[in-house]
Amino acid sequence: MKHVSAIVLAAGKGLRFKSRTPKALAKINSKPVIFYALHTLSRHPSVKDIIVVANDRIARKITEVVRRFNIEKVRRIVRGGGRRQDSVSHALCVLDNRTEWVLIHDAARPFIERACVTALIKQAARTGAAIVGVPVKATIKKVRSLNFEIRSKSKKQKPKTIVVEKTLDRSKLWEIQTPQVFKRNLIFKAYRKFGRLDVTDDAMLVEKLGVAVYVVPGSYRNIKITTSEDLAIAEAILKKQAA
């Protein structure tokens, strides 16, 4: 059986969440957001251990969550970095020597499914890199900003005007989620060569190696808790699943 180590990222600043409670600890149906991802991953037979990345503010609270819900596969909680890729790097440094595959997941996505994790691991075993995503529903336009000054007697104003450059072909666009699964030596190489770059997901670094990254179709239920309003959506998803 494959030895997969899961890295769960909970060190984000959550600026858009606008709450005193960090989003990883916000409650959905009386349980912390991070519980759901940890619970699903800990019950998957291929996931042998879990490393949680968190900032000092919430590390102790996450330890309490792990103990309260008896999530045995959480092996370690490590300190997060200033950027996402710094946090992942910290976790990569403490991987088990037996780890063959690395699964990276955002704690703010509570509704990952076991079947999806299985499909990702199988795809990564064949190709080295697999990510989950869904086709884009909305029309996506590439835009640019036009900044200009208007001088008045009272003060200068710099209105921001946005103009469309082009409309992108929606049939070729997918919204990428997590988890993302990579062969251990591949993600290590990507981080050694390109870890200093600013990226929004780990697959971008692997892509820069010239390695093909394969997409596994996912679920629109795999939402990311970004704003406090998303908690209400998450509650609705749970109610529908329980019905």
C-alpha atoms as a PDB file:
ATOM      1  CA  MET A   1       0.000   0.000   0.000  1.00  0.00           C
ATOM      2  CA  LYS A   2       1.237   3.500  -0.844  1.00  0.00           C
ATOM      3  CA  HIS A   3       2.663   5.674   1.920  1.00  0.00           C
ATOM      4  CA  VAL A   4       1.051   9.094   1.583  1.00  0.00           C
ATOM      5  CA  SER A   5       1.819  11.937   3.975  1.00  0.00           C
ATOM      6  CA  ALA A   6      -0.777  14.697   4.112  1.00  0.00           C
ATOM      7  CA  ILE A   7       0.110  18.334   4.725  1.00  0.00           C
ATOM      8  CA  VAL A   8      -2.848  20.398   5.934  1.00  0.00           C
ATOM      9  CA  LEU A   9      -2.324  24.148   5.720  1.00  0.00           C
ATOM     10  CA  ALA A  10      -3.950  26.273   8.421  1.00  0.00           C
ATOM     11  CA  ALA A  11      -1.459  29.142   8.661  1.00  0.00           C
ATOM     12  CA  GLY A  12      -3.152  31.619   6.317  1.00  0.00           C
ATOM     13  CA  LYS A  13      -3.837  35.130   7.557  1.00  0.00           C
ATOM     14  CA  GLY A  14      -7.516  34.958   6.524  1.00  0.00           C
ATOM     15  CA  LEU A  15      -7.766  38.701   5.861  1.00  0.00           C
ATOM     16  CA  ARG A  16     -11.030  38.331   3.923  1.00  0.00           C
ATOM     17  CA  PHE A  17     -12.631  36.284   6.677  1.00  0.00           C
ATOM     18  CA  LYS A  18     -12.938  39.369   8.922  1.00  0.00           C
ATOM     19  CA  SER A  19     -13.454  37.579  12.211  1.00  0.00           C
ATOM     20  CA  ARG A  20     -11.562  37.322  15.471  1.00  0.00           C
ATOM     21  CA  THR A  21     -11.872  33.559  15.178  1.00  0.00           C
ATOM     22  CA  PRO A  22      -9.388  32.111  12.648  1.00  0.00           C
ATOM     23  CA  LYS A  23     -11.297  30.394   9.857  1.00  0.00           C
ATOM     24  CA  ALA A  24      -9.698  27.009  10.579  1.00  0.00           C
ATOM     25  CA  LEU A  25     -11.367  27.156  13.998  1.00  0.00           C
ATOM     26  CA  ALA A  26     -14.675  28.686  12.941  1.00  0.00           C
ATOM     27  CA  LYS A  27     -17.600  26.349  13.578  1.00  0.00           C
ATOM     28  CA  ILE A  28     -19.658  24.458  11.023  1.00  0.00           C
ATOM     29  CA  ASN A  29     -22.433  22.509  12.715  1.00  0.00           C
ATOM     30  CA  SER A  30     -20.630  22.884  16.071  1.00  0.00           C
ATOM     31  CA  LYS A  31     -17.317  21.461  14.797  1.00  0.00           C
ATOM     32  CA  PRO A  32     -14.212  23.461  13.749  1.00  0.00           C
ATOM     33  CA  VAL A  33     -13.638  23.854  10.011  1.00  0.00           C
ATOM     34  CA  ILE A  34     -10.299  22.031  10.216  1.00  0.00           C
ATOM     35  CA  PHE A  35     -11.921  18.978  11.827  1.00  0.00           C
ATOM     36  CA  TYR A  36     -13.652  17.926   8.611  1.00  0.00           C
ATOM     37  CA  ALA A  37     -10.517  17.696   6.462  1.00  0.00           C
ATOM     38  CA  LEU A  38      -8.519  16.014   9.228  1.00  0.00           C
ATOM     39  CA  HIS A  39     -11.316  13.502   9.810  1.00  0.00           C
ATOM     40  CA  THR A  40     -11.575  12.535   6.134  1.00  0.00           C
ATOM     41  CA  LEU A  41      -7.827  12.254   5.622  1.00  0.00           C
ATOM     42  CA  SER A  42      -7.254  10.304   8.828  1.00  0.00           C
ATOM     43  CA  ARG A  43      -9.762   7.658   7.746  1.00  0.00           C
ATOM     44  CA  HIS A  44      -8.145   7.090   4.342  1.00  0.00           C
ATOM     45  CA  PRO A  45      -6.033   3.902   4.347  1.00  0.00           C
ATOM     46  CA  SER A  46      -3.287   5.324   2.113  1.00  0.00           C
ATOM     47  CA  VAL A  47      -2.759   8.395   4.294  1.00  0.00           C
ATOM     48  CA  LYS A  48      -0.287   7.224   6.921  1.00  0.00           C
ATOM     49  CA  ASP A  49       0.355  10.488   8.717  1.00  0.00           C
ATOM     50  CA  ILE A  50      -0.759  14.119   8.744  1.00  0.00           C
ATOM     51  CA  ILE A  51       1.304  17.246   9.327  1.00  0.00           C
ATOM     52  CA  VAL A  52      -0.662  20.379  10.188  1.00  0.00           C
ATOM     53  CA  VAL A  53       0.896  23.765   9.489  1.00  0.00           C
ATOM     54  CA  ALA A  54      -0.402  26.541  11.738  1.00  0.00           C
ATOM     55  CA  ASN A  55       0.699  29.836  13.203  1.00  0.00           C
ATOM     56  CA  ASP A  56       1.489  30.174  16.888  1.00  0.00           C
ATOM     57  CA  ARG A  57      -1.866  31.804  17.567  1.00  0.00           C
ATOM     58  CA  ILE A  58      -3.876  28.672  16.841  1.00  0.00           C
ATOM     59  CA  ALA A  59      -1.427  25.765  17.175  1.00  0.00           C
ATOM     60  CA  ARG A  60      -2.522  24.973  20.726  1.00  0.00           C
ATOM     61  CA  LYS A  61      -6.202  25.119  19.744  1.00  0.00           C
ATOM     62  CA  ILE A  62      -5.608  22.716  16.863  1.00  0.00           C
ATOM     63  CA  THR A  63      -3.842  20.353  19.247  1.00  0.00           C
ATOM     64  CA  GLU A  64      -6.983  20.440  21.388  1.00  0.00           C
ATOM     65  CA  VAL A  65      -9.141  19.640  18.330  1.00  0.00           C
ATOM     66  CA  VAL A  66      -6.910  16.675  17.467  1.00  0.00           C
ATOM     67  CA  ARG A  67      -7.162  15.309  21.012  1.00  0.00           C
ATOM     68  CA  ARG A  68     -10.861  15.975  21.426  1.00  0.00           C
ATOM     69  CA  PHE A  69     -11.813  14.137  18.242  1.00  0.00           C
ATOM     70  CA  ASN A  70      -9.078  11.496  18.564  1.00  0.00           C
ATOM     71  CA  ILE A  71      -7.489  12.138  15.167  1.00  0.00           C
ATOM     72  CA  GLU A  72      -4.618   9.713  15.610  1.00  0.00           C
ATOM     73  CA  LYS A  73      -2.786  10.238  12.319  1.00  0.00           C
ATOM     74  CA  VAL A  74      -1.821  13.842  13.075  1.00  0.00           C
ATOM     75  CA  ARG A  75       1.863  13.324  13.766  1.00  0.00           C
ATOM     76  CA  ARG A  76       3.039  16.881  14.106  1.00  0.00           C
ATOM     77  CA  ILE A  77       1.980  20.529  14.068  1.00  0.00           C
ATOM     78  CA  VAL A  78       4.630  22.817  12.588  1.00  0.00           C
ATOM     79  CA  ARG A  79       4.889  26.580  12.446  1.00  0.00           C
ATOM     80  CA  GLY A  80       3.676  28.306   9.307  1.00  0.00           C
ATOM     81  CA  GLY A  81       5.626  30.780   7.216  1.00  0.00           C
ATOM     82  CA  GLY A  82       4.903  34.191   5.767  1.00  0.00           C
ATOM     83  CA  ARG A  83       3.699  32.723   2.464  1.00  0.00           C
ATOM     84  CA  ARG A  84       1.873  29.560   1.500  1.00  0.00           C
ATOM     85  CA  GLN A  85       4.981  28.049  -0.061  1.00  0.00           C
ATOM     86  CA  ASP A  86       7.010  28.809   3.080  1.00  0.00           C
ATOM     87  CA  SER A  87       4.454  26.868   5.118  1.00  0.00           C
ATOM     88  CA  VAL A  88       4.629  23.904   2.747  1.00  0.00           C
ATOM     89  CA  SER A  89       8.437  23.999   2.876  1.00  0.00           C
ATOM     90  CA  HIS A  90       8.363  23.776   6.672  1.00  0.00           C
ATOM     91  CA  ALA A  91       6.195  20.667   6.444  1.00  0.00           C
ATOM     92  CA  LEU A  92       8.305  19.045   3.721  1.00  0.00           C
ATOM     93  CA  CYS A  93      11.324  19.294   6.012  1.00  0.00           C
ATOM     94  CA  VAL A  94       9.725  17.014   8.614  1.00  0.00           C
ATOM     95  CA  LEU A  95       8.255  14.311   6.372  1.00  0.00           C
ATOM     96  CA  ASP A  96       8.567  10.690   7.410  1.00  0.00           C
ATOM     97  CA  ASN A  97      11.467   8.920   5.673  1.00  0.00           C
ATOM     98  CA  ARG A  98       8.997   6.338   4.366  1.00  0.00           C
ATOM     99  CA  THR A  99       6.825   8.925   2.605  1.00  0.00           C
ATOM    100  CA  GLU A 100       6.421   8.193  -1.117  1.00  0.00           C
ATOM    101  CA  TRP A 101       3.663  10.656  -1.965  1.00  0.00           C
ATOM    102  CA  VAL A 102       2.783  14.072  -0.593  1.00  0.00           C
ATOM    103  CA  LEU A 103      -0.807  15.292  -0.403  1.00  0.00           C
ATOM    104  CA  ILE A 104      -1.229  19.036   0.188  1.00  0.00           C
ATOM    105  CA  HIS A 105      -4.582  20.396   1.302  1.00  0.00           C
ATOM    106  CA  ASP A 106      -6.082  23.652   2.563  1.00  0.00           C
ATOM    107  CA  ALA A 107      -7.694  23.341   5.983  1.00  0.00           C
ATOM    108  CA  ALA A 108     -10.283  25.850   4.765  1.00  0.00           C
ATOM    109  CA  ARG A 109     -11.740  23.222   2.380  1.00  0.00           C
ATOM    110  CA  PRO A 110     -13.756  21.025   4.744  1.00  0.00           C
ATOM    111  CA  PHE A 111     -15.659  18.922   2.210  1.00  0.00           C
ATOM    112  CA  ILE A 112     -13.030  16.772   0.538  1.00  0.00           C
ATOM    113  CA  GLU A 113     -14.330  13.320  -0.306  1.00  0.00           C
ATOM    114  CA  ARG A 114     -12.614   9.995   0.260  1.00  0.00           C
ATOM    115  CA  ALA A 115     -13.268   8.948  -3.345  1.00  0.00           C
ATOM    116  CA  CYS A 116     -11.563  12.102  -4.586  1.00  0.00           C
ATOM    117  CA  VAL A 117      -8.494  11.441  -2.432  1.00  0.00           C
ATOM    118  CA  THR A 118      -8.323   7.892  -3.803  1.00  0.00           C
ATOM    119  CA  ALA A 119      -8.607   9.100  -7.409  1.00  0.00           C
ATOM    120  CA  LEU A 120      -5.868  11.688  -6.876  1.00  0.00           C
ATOM    121  CA  ILE A 121      -3.482   9.153  -5.356  1.00  0.00           C
ATOM    122  CA  LYS A 122      -4.102   6.698  -8.212  1.00  0.00           C
ATOM    123  CA  GLN A 123      -3.556   9.390 -10.845  1.00  0.00           C
ATOM    124  CA  ALA A 124      -0.389  10.672  -9.160  1.00  0.00           C
ATOM    125  CA  ALA A 125       0.926   7.101  -8.960  1.00  0.00           C
ATOM    126  CA  ARG A 126       0.651   6.913 -12.748  1.00  0.00           C
ATOM    127  CA  THR A 127       1.864  10.401 -13.668  1.00  0.00           C
ATOM    128  CA  GLY A 128       3.672  11.931 -10.681  1.00  0.00           C
ATOM    129  CA  ALA A 129       1.342  14.892 -10.162  1.00  0.00           C
ATOM    130  CA  ALA A 130      -2.434  15.138  -9.794  1.00  0.00           C
ATOM    131  CA  ILE A 131      -4.740  17.968  -8.777  1.00  0.00           C
ATOM    132  CA  VAL A 132      -8.490  18.274  -8.375  1.00  0.00           C
ATOM    133  CA  GLY A 133     -10.695  20.834 -10.080  1.00  0.00           C
ATOM    134  CA  VAL A 134     -14.063  21.653 -11.594  1.00  0.00           C
ATOM    135  CA  PRO A 135     -15.023  23.347 -14.871  1.00  0.00           C
ATOM    136  CA  VAL A 136     -15.506  27.092 -14.530  1.00  0.00           C
ATOM    137  CA  LYS A 137     -19.185  28.084 -14.579  1.00  0.00           C
ATOM    138  CA  ALA A 138     -18.868  31.847 -14.954  1.00  0.00           C
ATOM    139  CA  THR A 139     -17.664  33.922 -17.889  1.00  0.00           C
ATOM    140  CA  ILE A 140     -14.044  34.934 -17.215  1.00  0.00           C
ATOM    141  CA  LYS A 141     -12.578  38.122 -18.642  1.00  0.00           C
ATOM    142  CA  LYS A 142      -8.971  39.295 -18.551  1.00  0.00           C
ATOM    143  CA  VAL A 143      -8.893  42.961 -17.521  1.00  0.00           C
ATOM    144  CA  ARG A 144      -6.429  45.779 -16.999  1.00  0.00           C
ATOM    145  CA  SER A 145      -6.556  48.908 -14.865  1.00  0.00           C
ATOM    146  CA  LEU A 146      -6.454  52.458 -16.168  1.00  0.00           C
ATOM    147  CA  ASN A 147      -5.234  54.800 -13.459  1.00  0.00           C
ATOM    148  CA  PHE A 148      -5.355  58.530 -13.994  1.00  0.00           C
ATOM    149  CA  GLU A 149      -5.414  61.702 -11.916  1.00  0.00           C
ATOM    150  CA  ILE A 150      -8.234  64.195 -11.626  1.00  0.00           C
ATOM    151  CA  ARG A 151      -7.099  67.488 -10.134  1.00  0.00           C
ATOM    152  CA  SER A 152      -9.634  69.474  -8.166  1.00  0.00           C
ATOM    153  CA  LYS A 153      -9.378  72.486  -5.888  1.00  0.00           C
ATOM    154  CA  SER A 154      -9.751  70.327  -2.811  1.00  0.00           C
ATOM    155  CA  LYS A 155      -7.519  67.316  -3.507  1.00  0.00           C
ATOM    156  CA  LYS A 156      -6.131  64.916  -6.029  1.00  0.00           C
ATOM    157  CA  GLN A 157      -8.222  61.873  -6.827  1.00  0.00           C
ATOM    158  CA  LYS A 158      -7.018  58.731  -8.509  1.00  0.00           C
ATOM    159  CA  PRO A 159     -10.029  56.759  -9.667  1.00  0.00           C
ATOM    160  CA  LYS A 160      -9.380  53.191 -10.745  1.00  0.00           C
ATOM    161  CA  THR A 161     -10.967  52.265 -14.038  1.00  0.00           C
ATOM    162  CA  ILE A 162     -11.013  48.651 -15.181  1.00  0.00           C
ATOM    163  CA  VAL A 163     -11.312  47.744 -18.849  1.00  0.00           C
ATOM    164  CA  VAL A 164     -11.724  44.341 -20.515  1.00  0.00           C
ATOM    165  CA  GLU A 165      -8.785  43.099 -22.568  1.00  0.00           C
ATOM    166  CA  LYS A 166     -10.394  39.876 -23.744  1.00  0.00           C
ATOM    167  CA  THR A 167     -12.860  37.167 -22.821  1.00  0.00           C
ATOM    168  CA  LEU A 168     -11.257  33.798 -22.151  1.00  0.00           C
ATOM    169  CA  ASP A 169     -12.523  30.536 -23.630  1.00  0.00           C
ATOM    170  CA  ARG A 170     -14.497  29.033 -20.748  1.00  0.00           C
ATOM    171  CA  SER A 171     -14.329  25.530 -22.204  1.00  0.00           C
ATOM    172  CA  LYS A 172     -10.595  25.476 -21.443  1.00  0.00           C
ATOM    173  CA  LEU A 173     -10.798  26.896 -17.914  1.00  0.00           C
ATOM    174  CA  TRP A 174     -10.985  24.897 -14.693  1.00  0.00           C
ATOM    175  CA  GLU A 175     -11.151  26.122 -11.114  1.00  0.00           C
ATOM    176  CA  ILE A 176      -8.443  24.269  -9.237  1.00  0.00           C
ATOM    177  CA  GLN A 177      -8.953  23.116  -5.664  1.00  0.00           C
ATOM    178  CA  THR A 178      -7.054  21.019  -3.158  1.00  0.00           C
ATOM    179  CA  PRO A 179      -5.977  18.320  -2.330  1.00  0.00           C
ATOM    180  CA  GLN A 180      -3.026  18.101  -4.700  1.00  0.00           C
ATOM    181  CA  VAL A 181      -0.841  14.988  -4.733  1.00  0.00           C
ATOM    182  CA  PHE A 182       2.770  14.722  -5.897  1.00  0.00           C
ATOM    183  CA  LYS A 183       5.538  12.172  -5.926  1.00  0.00           C
ATOM    184  CA  ARG A 184       7.839  13.065  -3.054  1.00  0.00           C
ATOM    185  CA  ASN A 185      11.012  13.698  -5.063  1.00  0.00           C
ATOM    186  CA  LEU A 186       9.047  15.759  -7.596  1.00  0.00           C
ATOM    187  CA  ILE A 187       7.570  18.235  -5.107  1.00  0.00           C
ATOM    188  CA  PHE A 188      10.949  18.456  -3.333  1.00  0.00           C
ATOM    189  CA  LYS A 189      12.662  19.332  -6.615  1.00  0.00           C
ATOM    190  CA  ALA A 190       9.992  21.910  -7.460  1.00  0.00           C
ATOM    191  CA  TYR A 191      10.409  23.615  -4.098  1.00  0.00           C
ATOM    192  CA  ARG A 192      14.217  23.557  -4.272  1.00  0.00           C
ATOM    193  CA  LYS A 193      14.236  25.240  -7.679  1.00  0.00           C
ATOM    194  CA  PHE A 194      11.227  27.548  -7.542  1.00  0.00           C
ATOM    195  CA  GLY A 195      10.109  27.810  -3.911  1.00  0.00           C
ATOM    196  CA  ARG A 196      11.021  31.495  -3.744  1.00  0.00           C
ATOM    197  CA  LEU A 197       8.488  32.425  -6.415  1.00  0.00           C
ATOM    198  CA  ASP A 198       5.084  33.778  -5.449  1.00  0.00           C
ATOM    199  CA  VAL A 199       2.458  31.242  -6.487  1.00  0.00           C
ATOM    200  CA  THR A 200      -1.124  30.463  -5.521  1.00  0.00           C
ATOM    201  CA  ASP A 201      -0.896  26.677  -5.553  1.00  0.00           C
ATOM    202  CA  ASP A 202       1.763  23.992  -5.406  1.00  0.00           C
ATOM    203  CA  ALA A 203       1.099  22.654  -8.886  1.00  0.00           C
ATOM    204  CA  MET A 204       2.419  25.915 -10.356  1.00  0.00           C
ATOM    205  CA  LEU A 205       5.903  25.042  -9.103  1.00  0.00           C
ATOM    206  CA  VAL A 206       5.718  21.549 -10.589  1.00  0.00           C
ATOM    207  CA  GLU A 207       4.523  23.017 -13.894  1.00  0.00           C
ATOM    208  CA  LYS A 208       7.661  25.170 -13.986  1.00  0.00           C
ATOM    209  CA  LEU A 209       9.720  21.967 -14.034  1.00  0.00           C
ATOM    210  CA  GLY A 210       8.044  21.139 -17.340  1.00  0.00           C
ATOM    211  CA  VAL A 211       6.175  18.222 -15.774  1.00  0.00           C
ATOM    212  CA  ALA A 212       2.603  17.533 -16.868  1.00  0.00           C
ATOM    213  CA  VAL A 213       0.070  17.977 -14.066  1.00  0.00           C
ATOM    214  CA  TYR A 214      -3.097  15.916 -14.474  1.00  0.00           C
ATOM    215  CA  VAL A 215      -6.529  17.099 -13.355  1.00  0.00           C
ATOM    216  CA  VAL A 216      -9.018  14.826 -11.606  1.00  0.00           C
ATOM    217  CA  PRO A 217     -12.644  16.057 -11.827  1.00  0.00           C
ATOM    218  CA  GLY A 218     -13.853  17.116  -8.401  1.00  0.00           C
ATOM    219  CA  SER A 219     -16.992  18.467  -6.779  1.00  0.00           C
ATOM    220  CA  TYR A 220     -18.492  21.945  -6.551  1.00  0.00           C
ATOM    221  CA  ARG A 221     -19.194  21.102  -2.905  1.00  0.00           C
ATOM    222  CA  ASN A 222     -15.467  21.291  -2.197  1.00  0.00           C
ATOM    223  CA  ILE A 223     -15.730  24.977  -1.354  1.00  0.00           C
ATOM    224  CA  LYS A 224     -13.072  27.073   0.322  1.00  0.00           C
ATOM    225  CA  ILE A 225     -14.102  29.004   3.417  1.00  0.00           C
ATOM    226  CA  THR A 226     -12.886  32.484   2.496  1.00  0.00           C
ATOM    227  CA  THR A 227     -15.464  34.854   3.980  1.00  0.00           C
ATOM    228  CA  SER A 228     -17.780  34.518   6.957  1.00  0.00           C
ATOM    229  CA  GLU A 229     -20.696  34.154   4.518  1.00  0.00           C
ATOM    230  CA  ASP A 230     -19.169  30.888   3.308  1.00  0.00           C
ATOM    231  CA  LEU A 231     -19.948  29.331   6.692  1.00  0.00           C
ATOM    232  CA  ALA A 232     -23.664  29.563   5.926  1.00  0.00           C
ATOM    233  CA  ILE A 233     -23.074  27.837   2.583  1.00  0.00           C
ATOM    234  CA  ALA A 234     -21.099  25.131   4.371  1.00  0.00           C
ATOM    235  CA  GLU A 235     -23.932  24.599   6.860  1.00  0.00           C
ATOM    236  CA  ALA A 236     -26.339  24.170   3.946  1.00  0.00           C
ATOM    237  CA  ILE A 237     -24.048  21.607   2.313  1.00  0.00           C
ATOM    238  CA  LEU A 238     -23.894  19.604   5.546  1.00  0.00           C
ATOM    239  CA  LYS A 239     -27.665  19.646   5.910  1.00  0.00           C
ATOM    240  CA  LYS A 240     -28.100  18.413   2.345  1.00  0.00           C
ATOM    241  CA  GLN A 241     -25.571  15.618   2.891  1.00  0.00           C
ATOM    242  CA  ALA A 242     -27.385  14.532   6.053  1.00  0.00           C
ATOM    243  CA  ALA A 243     -30.813  14.534   4.393  1.00  0.00           C
END
